[in-house]
Amino acid sequence: LTCSWSGGTASVSWVAPTTNEDGSDLLDLAGFKVLYGTSTD
């Protein structure tokens, strides 16, 4: 008996920023959002 499961799991990781755009330390980082879909648009 051969059974199939649809789809899979994609694990993504990243490097968190440590400074603001002006070069000052980033002290109020709260979290992240991962956006994903089947098209870049």
All heavy atoms as atom14 arrays in JSON, in Angstrom:
{
  "sequence": "LTCSWSGGTASVSWVAPTTNEDGSDLLDLAGFKVLYGTSTD",
  "atom14_mask": [
    [1, 1, 1, 1, 1, 1, 1, 1, 0, 0, 0, 0, 0, 0],
    [1, 1, 1, 1, 1, 1, 1, 0, 0, 0, 0, 0, 0, 0],
    [1, 1, 1, 1, 1, 1, 0, 0, 0, 0, 0, 0, 0, 0],
    [1, 1, 1, 1, 1, 1, 0, 0, 0, 0, 0, 0, 0, 0],
    [1, 1, 1, 1, 1, 1, 1, 1, 1, 1, 1, 1, 1, 1],
    [1, 1, 1, 1, 1, 1, 0, 0, 0, 0, 0, 0, 0, 0],
    [1, 1, 1, 1, 0, 0, 0, 0, 0, 0, 0, 0, 0, 0],
    [1, 1, 1, 1, 0, 0, 0, 0, 0, 0, 0, 0, 0, 0],
    [1, 1, 1, 1, 1, 1, 1, 0, 0, 0, 0, 0, 0, 0],
    [1, 1, 1, 1, 1, 0, 0, 0, 0, 0, 0, 0, 0, 0],
    [1, 1, 1, 1, 1, 1, 0, 0, 0, 0, 0, 0, 0, 0],
    [1, 1, 1, 1, 1, 1, 1, 0, 0, 0, 0, 0, 0, 0],
    [1, 1, 1, 1, 1, 1, 0, 0, 0, 0, 0, 0, 0, 0],
    [1, 1, 1, 1, 1, 1, 1, 1, 1, 1, 1, 1, 1, 1],
    [1, 1, 1, 1, 1, 1, 1, 0, 0, 0, 0, 0, 0, 0],
    [1, 1, 1, 1, 1, 0, 0, 0, 0, 0, 0, 0, 0, 0],
    [1, 1, 1, 1, 1, 1, 1, 0, 0, 0, 0, 0, 0, 0],
    [1, 1, 1, 1, 1, 1, 1, 0, 0, 0, 0, 0, 0, 0],
    [1, 1, 1, 1, 1, 1, 1, 0, 0, 0, 0, 0, 0, 0],
    [1, 1, 1, 1, 1, 1, 1, 1, 0, 0, 0, 0, 0, 0],
    [1, 1, 1, 1, 1, 1, 1, 1, 1, 0, 0, 0, 0, 0],
    [1, 1, 1, 1, 1, 1, 1, 1, 0, 0, 0, 0, 0, 0],
    [1, 1, 1, 1, 0, 0, 0, 0, 0, 0, 0, 0, 0, 0],
    [1, 1, 1, 1, 1, 1, 0, 0, 0, 0, 0, 0, 0, 0],
    [1, 1, 1, 1, 1, 1, 1, 1, 0, 0, 0, 0, 0, 0],
    [1, 1, 1, 1, 1, 1, 1, 1, 0, 0, 0, 0, 0, 0],
    [1, 1, 1, 1, 1, 1, 1, 1, 0, 0, 0, 0, 0, 0],
    [1, 1, 1, 1, 1, 1, 1, 1, 0, 0, 0, 0, 0, 0],
    [1, 1, 1, 1, 1, 1, 1, 1, 0, 0, 0, 0, 0, 0],
    [1, 1, 1, 1, 1, 0, 0, 0, 0, 0, 0, 0, 0, 0],
    [1, 1, 1, 1, 0, 0, 0, 0, 0, 0, 0, 0, 0, 0],
    [1, 1, 1, 1, 1, 1, 1, 1, 1, 1, 1, 0, 0, 0],
    [1, 1, 1, 1, 1, 1, 1, 1, 1, 0, 0, 0, 0, 0],
    [1, 1, 1, 1, 1, 1, 1, 0, 0, 0, 0, 0, 0, 0],
    [1, 1, 1, 1, 1, 1, 1, 1, 0, 0, 0, 0, 0, 0],
    [1, 1, 1, 1, 1, 1, 1, 1, 1, 1, 1, 1, 0, 0],
    [1, 1, 1, 1, 0, 0, 0, 0, 0, 0, 0, 0, 0, 0],
    [1, 1, 1, 1, 1, 1, 1, 0, 0, 0, 0, 0, 0, 0],
    [1, 1, 1, 1, 1, 1, 0, 0, 0, 0, 0, 0, 0, 0],
    [1, 1, 1, 1, 1, 1, 1, 0, 0, 0, 0, 0, 0, 0],
    [1, 1, 1, 1, 1, 1, 1, 1, 0, 0, 0, 0, 0, 0]
  ],
  "atom14_positions": [
    [[0.86, -1.18, 0.0], [0.0, 0.0, 0.0], [0.9, 1.23, 0.0], [1.73, 1.41, 0.9], [-0.91, 0.02, 1.22], [-1.97, 1.13, 1.23], [-2.99, 0.9, 0.11], [-2.69, 1.2, 2.58], [0.0, 0.0, 0.0], [0.0, 0.0, 0.0], [0.0, 0.0, 0.0], [0.0, 0.0, 0.0], [0.0, 0.0, 0.0], [0.0, 0.0, 0.0]],
    [[0.76, 2.06, -1.03], [1.53, 3.3, -1.16], [0.58, 4.48, -1.0], [-0.42, 4.58, -1.72], [2.23, 3.37, -2.53], [3.08, 2.23, -2.68], [3.07, 4.63, -2.64], [0.0, 0.0, 0.0], [0.0, 0.0, 0.0], [0.0, 0.0, 0.0], [0.0, 0.0, 0.0], [0.0, 0.0, 0.0], [0.0, 0.0, 0.0], [0.0, 0.0, 0.0]],
    [[0.9, 5.37, -0.07], [0.03, 6.51, 0.22], [0.79, 7.82, 0.0], [2.01, 7.88, 0.17], [-0.49, 6.44, 1.65], [-1.51, 4.98, 1.97], [0.0, 0.0, 0.0], [0.0, 0.0, 0.0], [0.0, 0.0, 0.0], [0.0, 0.0, 0.0], [0.0, 0.0, 0.0], [0.0, 0.0, 0.0], [0.0, 0.0, 0.0], [0.0, 0.0, 0.0]],
    [[0.05, 8.85, -0.37], [0.65, 10.14, -0.71], [0.09, 11.25, 0.18], [-1.09, 11.24, 0.54], [0.39, 10.48, -2.18], [0.95, 9.49, -3.03], [0.0, 0.0, 0.0], [0.0, 0.0, 0.0], [0.0, 0.0, 0.0], [0.0, 0.0, 0.0], [0.0, 0.0, 0.0], [0.0, 0.0, 0.0], [0.0, 0.0, 0.0], [0.0, 0.0, 0.0]],
    [[0.98, 12.16, 0.49], [0.61, 13.36, 1.23], [0.95, 14.56, 0.35], [2.03, 14.61, -0.24], [1.38, 13.47, 2.54], [0.96, 12.51, 3.58], [0.15, 12.76, 4.65], [1.31, 11.12, 3.69], [-0.03, 11.62, 5.39], [0.67, 10.6, 4.84], [2.1, 10.27, 2.93], [0.8, 9.27, 5.23], [2.24, 8.95, 3.3], [1.59, 8.47, 4.44]],
    [[0.03, 15.51, 0.25], [0.21, 16.65, -0.63], [1.07, 17.7, 0.05], [0.89, 18.03, 1.22], [-1.14, 17.25, -1.01], [-0.97, 18.38, -1.82], [0.0, 0.0, 0.0], [0.0, 0.0, 0.0], [0.0, 0.0, 0.0], [0.0, 0.0, 0.0], [0.0, 0.0, 0.0], [0.0, 0.0, 0.0], [0.0, 0.0, 0.0], [0.0, 0.0, 0.0]],
    [[2.01, 18.24, -0.72], [2.77, 19.4, -0.25], [3.92, 19.05, 0.66], [4.29, 17.91, 0.85], [0.0, 0.0, 0.0], [0.0, 0.0, 0.0], [0.0, 0.0, 0.0], [0.0, 0.0, 0.0], [0.0, 0.0, 0.0], [0.0, 0.0, 0.0], [0.0, 0.0, 0.0], [0.0, 0.0, 0.0], [0.0, 0.0, 0.0], [0.0, 0.0, 0.0]],
    [[4.51, 20.11, 1.23], [5.66, 19.95, 2.09], [5.8, 21.13, 3.02], [4.93, 21.98, 3.12], [0.0, 0.0, 0.0], [0.0, 0.0, 0.0], [0.0, 0.0, 0.0], [0.0, 0.0, 0.0], [0.0, 0.0, 0.0], [0.0, 0.0, 0.0], [0.0, 0.0, 0.0], [0.0, 0.0, 0.0], [0.0, 0.0, 0.0], [0.0, 0.0, 0.0]],
    [[6.94, 21.2, 3.67], [7.24, 22.28, 4.61], [8.49, 23.0, 4.13], [9.51, 22.37, 3.87], [7.49, 21.72, 6.02], [6.31, 21.06, 6.46], [7.84, 22.83, 6.99], [0.0, 0.0, 0.0], [0.0, 0.0, 0.0], [0.0, 0.0, 0.0], [0.0, 0.0, 0.0], [0.0, 0.0, 0.0], [0.0, 0.0, 0.0], [0.0, 0.0, 0.0]],
    [[8.42, 24.32, 4.01], [9.58, 25.13, 3.64], [10.04, 25.89, 4.88], [9.27, 26.64, 5.49], [9.25, 26.09, 2.52], [0.0, 0.0, 0.0], [0.0, 0.0, 0.0], [0.0, 0.0, 0.0], [0.0, 0.0, 0.0], [0.0, 0.0, 0.0], [0.0, 0.0, 0.0], [0.0, 0.0, 0.0], [0.0, 0.0, 0.0], [0.0, 0.0, 0.0]],
    [[11.29, 25.69, 5.27], [11.84, 26.36, 6.44], [12.75, 27.49, 5.99], [13.68, 27.28, 5.2], [12.64, 25.37, 7.3], [11.8, 24.35, 7.79], [0.0, 0.0, 0.0], [0.0, 0.0, 0.0], [0.0, 0.0, 0.0], [0.0, 0.0, 0.0], [0.0, 0.0, 0.0], [0.0, 0.0, 0.0], [0.0, 0.0, 0.0], [0.0, 0.0, 0.0]],
    [[12.47, 28.7, 6.46], [13.23, 29.87, 6.06], [13.92, 30.46, 7.29], [13.38, 30.45, 8.4], [12.3, 30.92, 5.4], [11.17, 31.32, 6.32], [13.07, 32.15, 4.97], [0.0, 0.0, 0.0], [0.0, 0.0, 0.0], [0.0, 0.0, 0.0], [0.0, 0.0, 0.0], [0.0, 0.0, 0.0], [0.0, 0.0, 0.0], [0.0, 0.0, 0.0]],
    [[15.14, 30.93, 7.11], [15.87, 31.59, 8.2], [16.52, 32.86, 7.69], [16.72, 33.03, 6.48], [16.91, 30.66, 8.82], [17.85, 30.25, 7.85], [0.0, 0.0, 0.0], [0.0, 0.0, 0.0], [0.0, 0.0, 0.0], [0.0, 0.0, 0.0], [0.0, 0.0, 0.0], [0.0, 0.0, 0.0], [0.0, 0.0, 0.0], [0.0, 0.0, 0.0]],
    [[16.86, 33.76, 8.58], [17.37, 35.07, 8.19], [18.32, 35.62, 9.24], [18.43, 35.09, 10.34], [16.21, 36.03, 7.97], [15.33, 36.18, 9.16], [15.48, 37.04, 10.21], [14.15, 35.42, 9.44], [14.48, 36.87, 11.12], [13.64, 35.89, 10.68], [13.47, 34.4, 8.77], [12.49, 35.36, 11.26], [12.34, 33.88, 9.35], [11.84, 34.35, 10.57]],
    [[18.98, 36.73, 8.88], [19.84, 37.47, 9.81], [19.1, 38.73, 10.23], [18.67, 39.52, 9.38], [21.19, 37.84, 9.15], [22.02, 38.69, 10.1], [21.94, 36.58, 8.77], [0.0, 0.0, 0.0], [0.0, 0.0, 0.0], [0.0, 0.0, 0.0], [0.0, 0.0, 0.0], [0.0, 0.0, 0.0], [0.0, 0.0, 0.0], [0.0, 0.0, 0.0]],
    [[18.94, 38.94, 11.53], [18.19, 40.09, 12.03], [19.04, 41.36, 11.92], [20.26, 41.33, 12.11], [17.8, 39.86, 13.48], [0.0, 0.0, 0.0], [0.0, 0.0, 0.0], [0.0, 0.0, 0.0], [0.0, 0.0, 0.0], [0.0, 0.0, 0.0], [0.0, 0.0, 0.0], [0.0, 0.0, 0.0], [0.0, 0.0, 0.0], [0.0, 0.0, 0.0]],
    [[18.42, 42.5, 11.6], [19.16, 43.77, 11.56], [19.54, 44.22, 12.98], [18.86, 43.87, 13.95], [18.17, 44.73, 10.91], [16.83, 44.17, 11.27], [17.0, 42.68, 11.28], [0.0, 0.0, 0.0], [0.0, 0.0, 0.0], [0.0, 0.0, 0.0], [0.0, 0.0, 0.0], [0.0, 0.0, 0.0], [0.0, 0.0, 0.0], [0.0, 0.0, 0.0]],
    [[20.6, 44.99, 13.08], [21.06, 45.48, 14.4], [21.13, 47.0, 14.47], [21.33, 47.55, 15.55], [22.45, 44.91, 14.72], [23.37, 45.28, 13.68], [22.39, 43.39, 14.82], [0.0, 0.0, 0.0], [0.0, 0.0, 0.0], [0.0, 0.0, 0.0], [0.0, 0.0, 0.0], [0.0, 0.0, 0.0], [0.0, 0.0, 0.0], [0.0, 0.0, 0.0]],
    [[20.96, 47.68, 13.34], [21.02, 49.15, 13.33], [19.88, 49.72, 12.51], [19.31, 49.04, 11.65], [22.35, 49.65, 12.74], [22.46, 49.18, 11.4], [23.54, 49.16, 13.56], [0.0, 0.0, 0.0], [0.0, 0.0, 0.0], [0.0, 0.0, 0.0], [0.0, 0.0, 0.0], [0.0, 0.0, 0.0], [0.0, 0.0, 0.0], [0.0, 0.0, 0.0]],
    [[19.57, 50.97, 12.8], [18.6, 51.7, 11.99], [19.27, 52.23, 10.74], [20.5, 52.14, 10.56], [18.02, 52.86, 12.8], [17.16, 52.36, 13.94], [16.16, 51.68, 13.74], [17.55, 52.7, 15.18], [0.0, 0.0, 0.0], [0.0, 0.0, 0.0], [0.0, 0.0, 0.0], [0.0, 0.0, 0.0], [0.0, 0.0, 0.0], [0.0, 0.0, 0.0]],
    [[18.45, 52.81, 9.85], [18.96, 53.31, 8.58], [20.03, 54.39, 8.78], [20.96, 54.5, 8.0], [17.81, 53.85, 7.74], [18.2, 54.25, 6.33], [17.01, 54.74, 5.54], [16.16, 55.42, 6.13], [16.92, 54.43, 4.35], [0.0, 0.0, 0.0], [0.0, 0.0, 0.0], [0.0, 0.0, 0.0], [0.0, 0.0, 0.0], [0.0, 0.0, 0.0]],
    [[19.89, 55.16, 9.87], [20.86, 56.23, 10.1], [22.12, 55.75, 10.79], [23.0, 56.54, 11.15], [20.21, 57.35, 10.91], [19.73, 56.87, 12.29], [20.0, 55.69, 12.63], [19.08, 57.66, 13.01], [0.0, 0.0, 0.0], [0.0, 0.0, 0.0], [0.0, 0.0, 0.0], [0.0, 0.0, 0.0], [0.0, 0.0, 0.0], [0.0, 0.0, 0.0]],
    [[22.22, 54.45, 11.01], [23.4, 53.9, 11.63], [23.32, 53.75, 13.13], [24.22, 53.16, 13.74], [0.0, 0.0, 0.0], [0.0, 0.0, 0.0], [0.0, 0.0, 0.0], [0.0, 0.0, 0.0], [0.0, 0.0, 0.0], [0.0, 0.0, 0.0], [0.0, 0.0, 0.0], [0.0, 0.0, 0.0], [0.0, 0.0, 0.0], [0.0, 0.0, 0.0]],
    [[22.27, 54.26, 13.73], [22.11, 54.13, 15.18], [21.7, 52.72, 15.55], [21.16, 51.97, 14.72], [21.06, 55.13, 15.7], [19.8, 54.87, 15.08], [0.0, 0.0, 0.0], [0.0, 0.0, 0.0], [0.0, 0.0, 0.0], [0.0, 0.0, 0.0], [0.0, 0.0, 0.0], [0.0, 0.0, 0.0], [0.0, 0.0, 0.0], [0.0, 0.0, 0.0]],
    [[21.97, 52.34, 16.8], [21.62, 50.99, 17.23], [20.11, 50.77, 17.2], [19.33, 51.66, 17.57], [22.12, 50.75, 18.66], [23.64, 50.69, 18.73], [24.26, 50.43, 17.69], [24.18, 50.91, 19.83], [0.0, 0.0, 0.0], [0.0, 0.0, 0.0], [0.0, 0.0, 0.0], [0.0, 0.0, 0.0], [0.0, 0.0, 0.0], [0.0, 0.0, 0.0]],
    [[19.72, 49.6, 16.75], [18.31, 49.21, 16.72], [17.96, 48.6, 18.08], [18.36, 47.49, 18.4], [18.06, 48.21, 15.59], [16.64, 47.62, 15.49], [15.6, 48.72, 15.34], [16.57, 46.65, 14.31], [0.0, 0.0, 0.0], [0.0, 0.0, 0.0], [0.0, 0.0, 0.0], [0.0, 0.0, 0.0], [0.0, 0.0, 0.0], [0.0, 0.0, 0.0]],
    [[17.23, 49.39, 18.89], [16.94, 48.97, 20.27], [15.5, 48.51, 20.47], [15.16, 47.98, 21.54], [17.23, 50.13, 21.23], [18.67, 50.67, 21.19], [18.81, 51.88, 22.13], [19.66, 49.58, 21.55], [0.0, 0.0, 0.0], [0.0, 0.0, 0.0], [0.0, 0.0, 0.0], [0.0, 0.0, 0.0], [0.0, 0.0, 0.0], [0.0, 0.0, 0.0]],
    [[14.65, 48.71, 19.48], [13.23, 48.39, 19.67], [12.72, 47.37, 18.64], [11.57, 47.4, 18.22], [12.37, 49.65, 19.63], [12.51, 50.42, 18.31], [13.42, 50.07, 17.51], [11.72, 51.34, 18.06], [0.0, 0.0, 0.0], [0.0, 0.0, 0.0], [0.0, 0.0, 0.0], [0.0, 0.0, 0.0], [0.0, 0.0, 0.0], [0.0, 0.0, 0.0]],
    [[13.61, 46.48, 18.21], [13.18, 45.41, 17.29], [12.15, 44.54, 18.0], [12.38, 44.05, 19.1], [14.38, 44.56, 16.87], [14.08, 43.37, 15.94], [13.52, 43.84, 14.6], [15.34, 42.54, 15.74], [0.0, 0.0, 0.0], [0.0, 0.0, 0.0], [0.0, 0.0, 0.0], [0.0, 0.0, 0.0], [0.0, 0.0, 0.0], [0.0, 0.0, 0.0]],
    [[10.99, 44.36, 17.37], [9.9, 43.59, 18.0], [9.74, 42.19, 17.41], [9.39, 41.25, 18.11], [8.58, 44.35, 17.87], [0.0, 0.0, 0.0], [0.0, 0.0, 0.0], [0.0, 0.0, 0.0], [0.0, 0.0, 0.0], [0.0, 0.0, 0.0], [0.0, 0.0, 0.0], [0.0, 0.0, 0.0], [0.0, 0.0, 0.0], [0.0, 0.0, 0.0]],
    [[9.98, 42.05, 16.12], [9.77, 40.74, 15.51], [9.89, 40.81, 14.0], [10.46, 41.76, 13.44], [0.0, 0.0, 0.0], [0.0, 0.0, 0.0], [0.0, 0.0, 0.0], [0.0, 0.0, 0.0], [0.0, 0.0, 0.0], [0.0, 0.0, 0.0], [0.0, 0.0, 0.0], [0.0, 0.0, 0.0], [0.0, 0.0, 0.0], [0.0, 0.0, 0.0]],
    [[9.28, 39.81, 13.34], [9.43, 39.68, 11.9], [8.11, 39.22, 11.28], [7.26, 38.63, 11.96], [10.53, 38.67, 11.56], [11.83, 38.95, 12.25], [12.12, 38.37, 13.48], [12.76, 39.81, 11.68], [13.31, 38.64, 14.12], [13.95, 40.08, 12.31], [14.23, 39.5, 13.54], [0.0, 0.0, 0.0], [0.0, 0.0, 0.0], [0.0, 0.0, 0.0]],
    [[7.99, 39.48, 10.0], [6.89, 38.95, 9.21], [7.47, 38.18, 8.03], [8.38, 38.66, 7.36], [5.98, 40.07, 8.7], [5.12, 40.72, 9.77], [4.21, 41.78, 9.15], [3.32, 42.42, 10.22], [2.44, 43.45, 9.63], [0.0, 0.0, 0.0], [0.0, 0.0, 0.0], [0.0, 0.0, 0.0], [0.0, 0.0, 0.0], [0.0, 0.0, 0.0]],
    [[6.93, 36.99, 7.82], [7.31, 36.19, 6.66], [6.14, 36.21, 5.69], [5.03, 35.8, 6.04], [7.65, 34.74, 7.06], [8.04, 33.93, 5.84], [8.76, 34.72, 8.1], [0.0, 0.0, 0.0], [0.0, 0.0, 0.0], [0.0, 0.0, 0.0], [0.0, 0.0, 0.0], [0.0, 0.0, 0.0], [0.0, 0.0, 0.0], [0.0, 0.0, 0.0]],
    [[6.39, 36.73, 4.51], [5.35, 36.78, 3.48], [5.69, 35.75, 2.41], [6.85, 35.67, 1.97], [5.26, 38.17, 2.86], [4.69, 39.3, 3.73], [5.68, 39.79, 4.75], [4.21, 40.44, 2.85], [0.0, 0.0, 0.0], [0.0, 0.0, 0.0], [0.0, 0.0, 0.0], [0.0, 0.0, 0.0], [0.0, 0.0, 0.0], [0.0, 0.0, 0.0]],
    [[4.7, 34.99, 1.99], [4.98, 33.98, 0.98], [3.75, 33.7, 0.13], [2.6, 33.97, 0.53], [5.51, 32.7, 1.59], [4.63, 32.05, 2.66], [3.82, 30.96, 2.35], [4.63, 32.51, 3.97], [3.04, 30.35, 3.32], [3.85, 31.91, 4.94], [3.07, 30.83, 4.62], [2.28, 30.23, 5.57], [0.0, 0.0, 0.0], [0.0, 0.0, 0.0]],
    [[3.99, 33.16, -1.06], [2.91, 32.85, -1.98], [3.47, 32.15, -3.2], [4.67, 31.87, -3.29], [0.0, 0.0, 0.0], [0.0, 0.0, 0.0], [0.0, 0.0, 0.0], [0.0, 0.0, 0.0], [0.0, 0.0, 0.0], [0.0, 0.0, 0.0], [0.0, 0.0, 0.0], [0.0, 0.0, 0.0], [0.0, 0.0, 0.0], [0.0, 0.0, 0.0]],
    [[2.6, 31.9, -4.16], [2.99, 31.14, -5.34], [3.46, 32.04, -6.48], [3.73, 31.57, -7.58], [1.83, 30.27, -5.83], [0.67, 31.09, -6.03], [1.5, 29.2, -4.79], [0.0, 0.0, 0.0], [0.0, 0.0, 0.0], [0.0, 0.0, 0.0], [0.0, 0.0, 0.0], [0.0, 0.0, 0.0], [0.0, 0.0, 0.0], [0.0, 0.0, 0.0]],
    [[3.57, 33.35, -6.21], [4.08, 34.3, -7.19], [4.72, 35.46, -6.44], [4.27, 35.82, -5.34], [2.95, 34.8, -8.09], [3.38, 35.92, -8.86], [0.0, 0.0, 0.0], [0.0, 0.0, 0.0], [0.0, 0.0, 0.0], [0.0, 0.0, 0.0], [0.0, 0.0, 0.0], [0.0, 0.0, 0.0], [0.0, 0.0, 0.0], [0.0, 0.0, 0.0]],
    [[5.76, 36.06, -7.03], [6.39, 37.22, -6.38], [5.43, 38.4, -6.3], [5.6, 39.3, -5.48], [7.65, 37.64, -7.14], [7.32, 37.86, -8.53], [8.71, 36.55, -7.04], [0.0, 0.0, 0.0], [0.0, 0.0, 0.0], [0.0, 0.0, 0.0], [0.0, 0.0, 0.0], [0.0, 0.0, 0.0], [0.0, 0.0, 0.0], [0.0, 0.0, 0.0]],
    [[4.4, 38.37, -7.16], [3.4, 39.44, -7.15], [2.19, 39.07, -6.3], [1.23, 39.84, -6.22], [2.93, 39.74, -8.58], [4.06, 40.23, -9.46], [4.93, 40.97, -8.95], [4.08, 39.87, -10.66], [0.0, 0.0, 0.0], [0.0, 0.0, 0.0], [0.0, 0.0, 0.0], [0.0, 0.0, 0.0], [0.0, 0.0, 0.0], [0.0, 0.0, 0.0]]
  ]
}
